[in-house]
N, C-alpha and C. Protein backbone atom coordinates (compact mmCIF):
# COMPACT_ATOMS: atom_id res chain seq x y z
N MET A 1 6.98 -18.50 2.70
CA MET A 1 7.23 -17.87 1.43
C MET A 1 7.27 -16.36 1.62
N LYS A 2 8.37 -15.75 1.33
CA LYS A 2 8.55 -14.31 1.49
C LYS A 2 7.93 -13.57 0.31
N LEU A 3 7.27 -12.44 0.61
CA LEU A 3 6.73 -11.60 -0.46
C LEU A 3 7.88 -10.90 -1.17
N THR A 4 7.87 -10.94 -2.48
CA THR A 4 8.87 -10.27 -3.30
C THR A 4 8.17 -9.31 -4.25
N THR A 5 8.94 -8.46 -4.90
CA THR A 5 8.34 -7.55 -5.86
C THR A 5 7.64 -8.31 -6.99
N GLY A 6 8.25 -9.37 -7.46
CA GLY A 6 7.65 -10.17 -8.53
C GLY A 6 6.33 -10.80 -8.11
N LYS A 7 6.29 -11.36 -6.91
CA LYS A 7 5.05 -11.97 -6.42
C LYS A 7 3.97 -10.93 -6.22
N LEU A 8 4.35 -9.77 -5.70
CA LEU A 8 3.36 -8.71 -5.50
C LEU A 8 2.84 -8.16 -6.82
N ASN A 9 3.70 -8.02 -7.81
CA ASN A 9 3.25 -7.54 -9.11
C ASN A 9 2.37 -8.56 -9.82
N SER A 10 2.64 -9.85 -9.64
CA SER A 10 1.75 -10.89 -10.17
C SER A 10 0.40 -10.84 -9.46
N PHE A 11 0.44 -10.64 -8.14
CA PHE A 11 -0.79 -10.48 -7.35
C PHE A 11 -1.62 -9.33 -7.92
N LEU A 12 -0.97 -8.22 -8.25
CA LEU A 12 -1.68 -7.08 -8.83
C LEU A 12 -2.40 -7.47 -10.11
N MET A 13 -1.71 -8.18 -10.98
CA MET A 13 -2.28 -8.53 -12.27
C MET A 13 -3.55 -9.37 -12.10
N PHE A 14 -3.55 -10.29 -11.14
CA PHE A 14 -4.69 -11.20 -10.99
C PHE A 14 -5.75 -10.73 -10.01
N LYS A 15 -5.35 -10.00 -8.96
CA LYS A 15 -6.30 -9.61 -7.91
C LYS A 15 -6.68 -8.14 -7.92
N LEU A 16 -5.83 -7.28 -8.49
CA LEU A 16 -6.11 -5.84 -8.59
C LEU A 16 -5.80 -5.37 -10.02
N PRO A 17 -6.53 -5.92 -11.00
CA PRO A 17 -6.16 -5.64 -12.39
C PRO A 17 -6.26 -4.16 -12.77
N SER A 18 -7.14 -3.40 -12.14
CA SER A 18 -7.22 -1.97 -12.49
C SER A 18 -5.92 -1.26 -12.14
N ALA A 19 -5.33 -1.59 -10.99
CA ALA A 19 -4.05 -1.00 -10.61
C ALA A 19 -2.96 -1.44 -11.59
N TRP A 20 -2.96 -2.71 -11.92
CA TRP A 20 -1.94 -3.24 -12.84
C TRP A 20 -2.06 -2.57 -14.21
N LEU A 21 -3.29 -2.46 -14.74
CA LEU A 21 -3.49 -1.85 -16.05
C LEU A 21 -3.09 -0.37 -16.07
N CYS A 22 -3.25 0.29 -14.93
CA CYS A 22 -2.86 1.70 -14.83
C CYS A 22 -1.36 1.88 -14.66
N GLY A 23 -0.62 0.79 -14.50
CA GLY A 23 0.83 0.87 -14.43
C GLY A 23 1.43 0.89 -13.04
N VAL A 24 0.62 0.64 -12.01
CA VAL A 24 1.14 0.61 -10.64
C VAL A 24 1.99 -0.65 -10.48
N ARG A 25 3.19 -0.48 -9.93
CA ARG A 25 4.09 -1.61 -9.71
C ARG A 25 4.84 -1.44 -8.40
N VAL A 26 5.15 -2.58 -7.76
CA VAL A 26 6.01 -2.58 -6.58
C VAL A 26 7.45 -2.57 -7.07
N LYS A 27 8.24 -1.64 -6.53
CA LYS A 27 9.64 -1.50 -6.94
C LYS A 27 10.59 -2.13 -5.93
N ALA A 28 10.25 -2.06 -4.64
CA ALA A 28 11.12 -2.61 -3.59
C ALA A 28 10.29 -2.84 -2.34
N ILE A 29 10.66 -3.87 -1.58
CA ILE A 29 10.01 -4.13 -0.29
C ILE A 29 10.99 -4.84 0.62
N ASP A 30 10.98 -4.45 1.88
CA ASP A 30 11.70 -5.18 2.92
C ASP A 30 10.86 -5.07 4.19
N GLY A 31 11.40 -5.40 5.32
CA GLY A 31 10.62 -5.43 6.55
C GLY A 31 10.14 -4.08 7.04
N THR A 32 10.77 -3.00 6.60
CA THR A 32 10.40 -1.69 7.13
C THR A 32 9.87 -0.71 6.10
N HIS A 33 10.14 -0.95 4.82
CA HIS A 33 9.65 0.01 3.83
C HIS A 33 9.23 -0.68 2.54
N CYS A 34 8.37 0.04 1.80
CA CYS A 34 7.93 -0.46 0.50
C CYS A 34 7.87 0.73 -0.46
N VAL A 35 8.33 0.50 -1.68
CA VAL A 35 8.34 1.53 -2.71
C VAL A 35 7.50 1.04 -3.89
N THR A 36 6.56 1.87 -4.32
CA THR A 36 5.77 1.57 -5.51
C THR A 36 5.98 2.69 -6.51
N GLY A 37 5.66 2.41 -7.75
CA GLY A 37 5.82 3.44 -8.77
C GLY A 37 4.72 3.37 -9.80
N VAL A 38 4.50 4.49 -10.47
CA VAL A 38 3.55 4.57 -11.57
C VAL A 38 4.00 5.71 -12.48
N LYS A 39 3.83 5.52 -13.76
CA LYS A 39 4.22 6.55 -14.73
C LYS A 39 2.97 7.15 -15.36
N HIS A 40 2.91 8.48 -15.38
CA HIS A 40 1.80 9.18 -16.01
C HIS A 40 1.72 8.79 -17.49
N SER A 41 0.54 8.37 -17.93
CA SER A 41 0.33 8.02 -19.33
C SER A 41 -1.14 8.29 -19.69
N TRP A 42 -1.51 8.04 -20.91
CA TRP A 42 -2.87 8.34 -21.36
C TRP A 42 -3.92 7.54 -20.60
N ILE A 43 -3.60 6.32 -20.16
CA ILE A 43 -4.60 5.47 -19.51
C ILE A 43 -4.87 5.87 -18.05
N ASN A 44 -3.98 6.61 -17.44
CA ASN A 44 -4.16 6.93 -16.02
C ASN A 44 -4.19 8.45 -15.76
N GLN A 45 -4.46 9.23 -16.79
CA GLN A 45 -4.45 10.68 -16.61
C GLN A 45 -5.84 11.24 -16.33
N ASN A 46 -5.86 12.43 -15.78
CA ASN A 46 -7.09 13.18 -15.58
C ASN A 46 -7.24 14.19 -16.71
N PRO A 47 -8.34 14.95 -16.75
CA PRO A 47 -8.50 15.93 -17.83
C PRO A 47 -7.49 17.07 -17.81
N PHE A 48 -6.70 17.18 -16.75
CA PHE A 48 -5.73 18.26 -16.61
C PHE A 48 -4.32 17.81 -16.99
N ASN A 49 -4.24 16.64 -17.66
CA ASN A 49 -2.98 16.09 -18.15
C ASN A 49 -1.97 15.80 -17.04
N SER A 50 -2.48 15.26 -15.94
CA SER A 50 -1.61 14.77 -14.87
C SER A 50 -2.19 13.45 -14.36
N LEU A 51 -1.47 12.82 -13.47
CA LEU A 51 -1.87 11.51 -12.94
C LEU A 51 -3.15 11.63 -12.13
N TYR A 52 -4.15 10.85 -12.48
CA TYR A 52 -5.45 10.85 -11.81
C TYR A 52 -5.26 10.52 -10.33
N PHE A 53 -5.98 11.21 -9.45
CA PHE A 53 -5.80 11.04 -8.01
C PHE A 53 -6.02 9.61 -7.57
N ALA A 54 -6.97 8.91 -8.18
CA ALA A 54 -7.27 7.54 -7.76
C ALA A 54 -6.11 6.59 -8.07
N VAL A 55 -5.39 6.85 -9.14
CA VAL A 55 -4.21 6.05 -9.48
C VAL A 55 -3.12 6.30 -8.46
N GLN A 56 -2.96 7.56 -8.07
CA GLN A 56 -2.00 7.87 -7.01
C GLN A 56 -2.39 7.14 -5.72
N ALA A 57 -3.68 7.13 -5.41
CA ALA A 57 -4.15 6.45 -4.20
C ALA A 57 -3.87 4.95 -4.26
N MET A 58 -4.04 4.34 -5.44
CA MET A 58 -3.75 2.91 -5.57
C MET A 58 -2.27 2.62 -5.30
N ALA A 59 -1.40 3.44 -5.87
CA ALA A 59 0.04 3.23 -5.67
C ALA A 59 0.42 3.47 -4.21
N ALA A 60 -0.14 4.51 -3.61
CA ALA A 60 0.16 4.81 -2.21
C ALA A 60 -0.36 3.72 -1.29
N GLU A 61 -1.61 3.29 -1.51
CA GLU A 61 -2.18 2.24 -0.66
C GLU A 61 -1.37 0.95 -0.77
N LEU A 62 -0.95 0.63 -1.97
CA LEU A 62 -0.16 -0.59 -2.16
C LEU A 62 1.14 -0.53 -1.38
N SER A 63 1.77 0.64 -1.30
CA SER A 63 3.03 0.74 -0.56
C SER A 63 2.83 0.48 0.93
N THR A 64 1.65 0.79 1.46
CA THR A 64 1.36 0.49 2.87
C THR A 64 0.82 -0.93 3.02
N GLY A 65 -0.11 -1.29 2.15
CA GLY A 65 -0.76 -2.61 2.26
C GLY A 65 0.18 -3.78 2.05
N ALA A 66 1.15 -3.61 1.17
CA ALA A 66 2.12 -4.70 0.95
C ALA A 66 2.90 -4.99 2.22
N LEU A 67 3.21 -3.94 2.99
CA LEU A 67 3.91 -4.14 4.27
C LEU A 67 3.02 -4.86 5.27
N VAL A 68 1.73 -4.51 5.28
CA VAL A 68 0.79 -5.20 6.18
C VAL A 68 0.68 -6.67 5.77
N MET A 69 0.53 -6.93 4.48
CA MET A 69 0.45 -8.31 3.99
C MET A 69 1.69 -9.11 4.37
N ALA A 70 2.85 -8.50 4.21
CA ALA A 70 4.11 -9.19 4.54
C ALA A 70 4.19 -9.49 6.03
N GLY A 71 3.77 -8.55 6.87
CA GLY A 71 3.78 -8.78 8.32
C GLY A 71 2.84 -9.88 8.73
N ILE A 72 1.66 -9.91 8.13
CA ILE A 72 0.69 -10.97 8.44
C ILE A 72 1.23 -12.31 7.99
N GLN A 73 1.78 -12.36 6.78
CA GLN A 73 2.33 -13.62 6.27
C GLN A 73 3.45 -14.12 7.16
N GLU A 74 4.32 -13.23 7.58
CA GLU A 74 5.44 -13.61 8.43
C GLU A 74 4.97 -14.13 9.79
N SER A 75 3.87 -13.58 10.30
CA SER A 75 3.36 -13.99 11.62
C SER A 75 2.78 -15.40 11.60
N GLY A 76 2.26 -15.82 10.44
CA GLY A 76 1.63 -17.13 10.34
C GLY A 76 0.21 -17.16 10.87
N ALA A 77 -0.28 -16.06 11.40
CA ALA A 77 -1.64 -15.99 11.96
C ALA A 77 -2.65 -15.74 10.84
N LYS A 78 -3.88 -16.17 11.07
CA LYS A 78 -4.98 -15.92 10.13
C LYS A 78 -5.59 -14.58 10.50
N ILE A 79 -5.20 -13.54 9.77
CA ILE A 79 -5.60 -12.17 10.09
C ILE A 79 -6.18 -11.51 8.85
N SER A 80 -7.29 -10.80 9.04
CA SER A 80 -7.85 -10.02 7.95
C SER A 80 -7.37 -8.58 8.07
N MET A 81 -7.37 -7.88 6.93
CA MET A 81 -6.89 -6.50 6.90
C MET A 81 -7.83 -5.68 6.03
N LEU A 82 -8.02 -4.42 6.42
CA LEU A 82 -8.93 -3.56 5.68
C LEU A 82 -8.58 -2.10 5.96
N VAL A 83 -8.69 -1.26 4.95
CA VAL A 83 -8.53 0.18 5.15
C VAL A 83 -9.83 0.72 5.73
N ALA A 84 -9.74 1.41 6.87
CA ALA A 84 -10.91 2.00 7.51
C ALA A 84 -11.15 3.42 7.00
N GLN A 85 -10.09 4.17 6.81
CA GLN A 85 -10.20 5.52 6.28
C GLN A 85 -8.86 5.96 5.73
N ASN A 86 -8.91 7.04 4.95
CA ASN A 86 -7.66 7.59 4.43
C ASN A 86 -7.78 9.10 4.29
N ARG A 87 -6.61 9.72 4.23
CA ARG A 87 -6.49 11.16 4.02
C ARG A 87 -5.42 11.38 2.95
N ALA A 88 -5.60 12.43 2.17
CA ALA A 88 -4.62 12.72 1.14
C ALA A 88 -4.40 14.22 1.04
N ARG A 89 -3.16 14.57 0.71
CA ARG A 89 -2.80 15.96 0.47
C ARG A 89 -1.98 15.99 -0.83
N PHE A 90 -2.42 16.81 -1.77
CA PHE A 90 -1.74 16.92 -3.06
C PHE A 90 -1.00 18.25 -3.09
N THR A 91 0.30 18.22 -3.38
CA THR A 91 1.11 19.42 -3.28
C THR A 91 1.70 19.89 -4.61
N LYS A 92 1.65 19.03 -5.62
CA LYS A 92 2.21 19.40 -6.92
C LYS A 92 1.57 18.51 -7.98
N LYS A 93 1.46 19.03 -9.19
CA LYS A 93 0.91 18.27 -10.31
C LYS A 93 1.78 17.03 -10.54
N ALA A 94 1.15 15.88 -10.63
CA ALA A 94 1.88 14.61 -10.78
C ALA A 94 2.00 14.24 -12.25
N THR A 95 3.20 14.41 -12.80
CA THR A 95 3.49 14.02 -14.17
C THR A 95 4.81 13.25 -14.17
N GLY A 96 5.02 12.48 -15.22
CA GLY A 96 6.24 11.68 -15.30
C GLY A 96 6.15 10.46 -14.39
N LYS A 97 7.29 9.98 -13.93
CA LYS A 97 7.33 8.83 -13.03
C LYS A 97 7.16 9.30 -11.59
N ILE A 98 6.21 8.69 -10.89
CA ILE A 98 5.94 9.03 -9.50
C ILE A 98 6.24 7.81 -8.65
N THR A 99 6.97 8.03 -7.58
CA THR A 99 7.36 6.96 -6.66
C THR A 99 6.73 7.23 -5.30
N PHE A 100 6.04 6.21 -4.76
CA PHE A 100 5.45 6.30 -3.43
C PHE A 100 6.24 5.41 -2.48
N THR A 101 6.59 5.97 -1.33
CA THR A 101 7.37 5.23 -0.34
C THR A 101 6.67 5.27 1.01
N CYS A 102 6.54 4.08 1.61
CA CYS A 102 6.06 3.96 2.99
C CYS A 102 7.21 3.39 3.81
N LYS A 103 7.49 4.04 4.94
CA LYS A 103 8.58 3.61 5.82
C LYS A 103 8.05 3.19 7.19
N ASP A 104 6.79 2.77 7.25
CA ASP A 104 6.14 2.48 8.53
C ASP A 104 6.03 0.98 8.85
N GLY A 105 6.84 0.17 8.20
CA GLY A 105 6.77 -1.27 8.43
C GLY A 105 7.02 -1.68 9.87
N ASN A 106 7.72 -0.84 10.63
CA ASN A 106 8.02 -1.16 12.03
C ASN A 106 6.77 -1.13 12.91
N LEU A 107 5.67 -0.54 12.46
CA LEU A 107 4.44 -0.48 13.24
C LEU A 107 3.68 -1.80 13.28
N ILE A 108 3.88 -2.62 12.28
CA ILE A 108 2.99 -3.74 12.03
C ILE A 108 3.15 -4.90 13.00
N ASN A 109 4.37 -5.31 13.29
CA ASN A 109 4.57 -6.51 14.12
C ASN A 109 3.95 -6.38 15.51
N ASP A 110 4.08 -5.20 16.13
CA ASP A 110 3.48 -5.00 17.45
C ASP A 110 1.96 -5.08 17.39
N LYS A 111 1.37 -4.54 16.33
CA LYS A 111 -0.09 -4.57 16.18
C LYS A 111 -0.58 -5.99 15.91
N ILE A 112 0.16 -6.74 15.13
CA ILE A 112 -0.22 -8.14 14.87
C ILE A 112 -0.14 -8.94 16.16
N LYS A 113 0.94 -8.75 16.91
CA LYS A 113 1.11 -9.44 18.19
C LYS A 113 -0.04 -9.09 19.14
N ALA A 114 -0.41 -7.82 19.21
CA ALA A 114 -1.52 -7.40 20.07
C ALA A 114 -2.84 -8.02 19.63
N ALA A 115 -3.07 -8.12 18.33
CA ALA A 115 -4.30 -8.72 17.81
C ALA A 115 -4.37 -10.21 18.16
N VAL A 116 -3.25 -10.90 18.04
CA VAL A 116 -3.20 -12.33 18.33
C VAL A 116 -3.38 -12.58 19.83
N GLU A 117 -2.68 -11.82 20.65
CA GLU A 117 -2.73 -12.03 22.10
C GLU A 117 -4.07 -11.64 22.71
N SER A 118 -4.65 -10.54 22.24
CA SER A 118 -5.89 -10.05 22.85
C SER A 118 -7.15 -10.56 22.15
N GLY A 119 -7.02 -10.97 20.90
CA GLY A 119 -8.20 -11.36 20.13
C GLY A 119 -9.01 -10.15 19.66
N GLU A 120 -8.52 -8.97 19.96
CA GLU A 120 -9.20 -7.72 19.59
C GLU A 120 -8.60 -7.17 18.31
N GLY A 121 -9.45 -6.49 17.55
CA GLY A 121 -8.97 -5.81 16.35
C GLY A 121 -8.03 -4.67 16.73
N GLN A 122 -7.15 -4.35 15.83
CA GLN A 122 -6.17 -3.28 16.04
C GLN A 122 -6.24 -2.31 14.86
N THR A 123 -6.00 -1.04 15.12
CA THR A 123 -5.94 -0.05 14.06
C THR A 123 -4.62 0.71 14.15
N PHE A 124 -4.15 1.17 13.01
CA PHE A 124 -2.92 1.96 12.97
C PHE A 124 -2.87 2.72 11.65
N TRP A 125 -2.21 3.88 11.70
CA TRP A 125 -2.05 4.72 10.53
C TRP A 125 -0.69 4.51 9.90
N MET A 126 -0.66 4.49 8.58
CA MET A 126 0.59 4.40 7.82
C MET A 126 0.59 5.51 6.77
N THR A 127 1.77 6.06 6.50
CA THR A 127 1.91 7.17 5.57
C THR A 127 2.73 6.76 4.36
N SER A 128 2.30 7.24 3.20
CA SER A 128 3.04 7.04 1.96
C SER A 128 3.22 8.39 1.29
N THR A 129 4.45 8.68 0.91
CA THR A 129 4.76 9.96 0.28
C THR A 129 5.15 9.73 -1.18
N GLY A 130 4.53 10.50 -2.07
CA GLY A 130 4.83 10.39 -3.50
C GLY A 130 5.73 11.53 -3.95
N VAL A 131 6.75 11.18 -4.71
CA VAL A 131 7.67 12.19 -5.26
C VAL A 131 7.83 11.97 -6.76
N ASN A 132 8.13 13.06 -7.46
CA ASN A 132 8.38 12.96 -8.90
C ASN A 132 9.86 12.65 -9.16
N GLU A 133 10.23 12.64 -10.42
CA GLU A 133 11.61 12.29 -10.80
C GLU A 133 12.64 13.30 -10.29
N GLN A 134 12.19 14.50 -10.00
CA GLN A 134 13.09 15.52 -9.47
C GLN A 134 13.18 15.47 -7.95
N GLY A 135 12.48 14.53 -7.33
CA GLY A 135 12.49 14.40 -5.88
C GLY A 135 11.53 15.35 -5.18
N GLN A 136 10.66 16.00 -5.94
CA GLN A 136 9.69 16.92 -5.36
C GLN A 136 8.44 16.16 -4.92
N GLU A 137 7.97 16.46 -3.72
CA GLU A 137 6.76 15.80 -3.22
C GLU A 137 5.55 16.23 -4.04
N VAL A 138 4.76 15.24 -4.48
CA VAL A 138 3.53 15.54 -5.21
C VAL A 138 2.29 15.23 -4.38
N ALA A 139 2.40 14.28 -3.45
CA ALA A 139 1.25 13.91 -2.63
C ALA A 139 1.70 13.12 -1.40
N THR A 140 0.88 13.23 -0.36
CA THR A 140 1.07 12.41 0.84
C THR A 140 -0.27 11.77 1.17
N PHE A 141 -0.25 10.47 1.36
CA PHE A 141 -1.45 9.71 1.70
C PHE A 141 -1.26 9.08 3.07
N GLU A 142 -2.31 9.07 3.86
CA GLU A 142 -2.33 8.37 5.14
C GLU A 142 -3.49 7.37 5.10
N PHE A 143 -3.21 6.14 5.51
CA PHE A 143 -4.21 5.09 5.53
C PHE A 143 -4.34 4.54 6.94
N GLU A 144 -5.57 4.43 7.42
CA GLU A 144 -5.82 3.77 8.70
C GLU A 144 -6.17 2.32 8.39
N TRP A 145 -5.27 1.42 8.76
CA TRP A 145 -5.48 -0.01 8.56
C TRP A 145 -6.11 -0.61 9.81
N THR A 146 -7.00 -1.57 9.59
CA THR A 146 -7.55 -2.35 10.69
C THR A 146 -7.18 -3.81 10.43
N ILE A 147 -6.77 -4.49 11.48
CA ILE A 147 -6.48 -5.92 11.38
C ILE A 147 -7.20 -6.63 12.51
N LYS A 148 -7.61 -7.85 12.24
CA LYS A 148 -8.20 -8.67 13.31
C LYS A 148 -8.07 -10.14 12.93
N LEU A 149 -8.09 -10.95 13.98
CA LEU A 149 -8.03 -12.39 13.76
C LEU A 149 -9.27 -12.84 13.00
N LYS A 150 -9.09 -13.74 12.05
CA LYS A 150 -10.24 -14.29 11.32
C LYS A 150 -10.95 -15.27 12.25
N ALA A 151 -12.27 -15.31 12.13
CA ALA A 151 -13.07 -16.23 12.93
C ALA A 151 -12.74 -17.66 12.52
N GLN A 152 -12.62 -18.51 13.52
CA GLN A 152 -12.34 -19.91 13.27
C GLN A 152 -13.63 -20.61 12.86
N LYS A 153 -13.59 -21.34 11.77
CA LYS A 153 -14.77 -22.07 11.29
C LYS A 153 -14.81 -23.43 11.98
N ASN A 154 -15.99 -23.79 12.45
CA ASN A 154 -16.17 -25.12 13.04
C ASN A 154 -16.27 -26.15 11.94
N LYS A 155 -15.54 -27.22 12.13
CA LYS A 155 -15.53 -28.27 11.09
C LYS A 155 -16.29 -29.47 11.55
């Protein structure tokens, strides 16, 4: 079963309701990139009348994490995933519609293969860049993902 925007947005509603309620949505996904979006509104704003940083982080993380989820699903392996650390840089006030794009999907398959073959956990950094409706960068997020094979349960 291939991950689609509809399936990912349903996943948000049931598994990450705070992101869904704040308006974070997946706009596009394929093997190499993922695009998420969020619109500044009263429910997701900060006291300075712009998009709250944590909402931006949710949208940015989703653009990277959805690619990791898709790679794991495609591999068929039982692999866990977790963000180990992140970095963010904010360059402009985020108002209006903000789009986050991650183009690092090509990193994932090699890391999954290495995790399966070696049995060792793997780490890798992925970047998501947020732009406003005018195409101006508002923020850049970097996430260090860790993946490892899930322990086999004895039956």
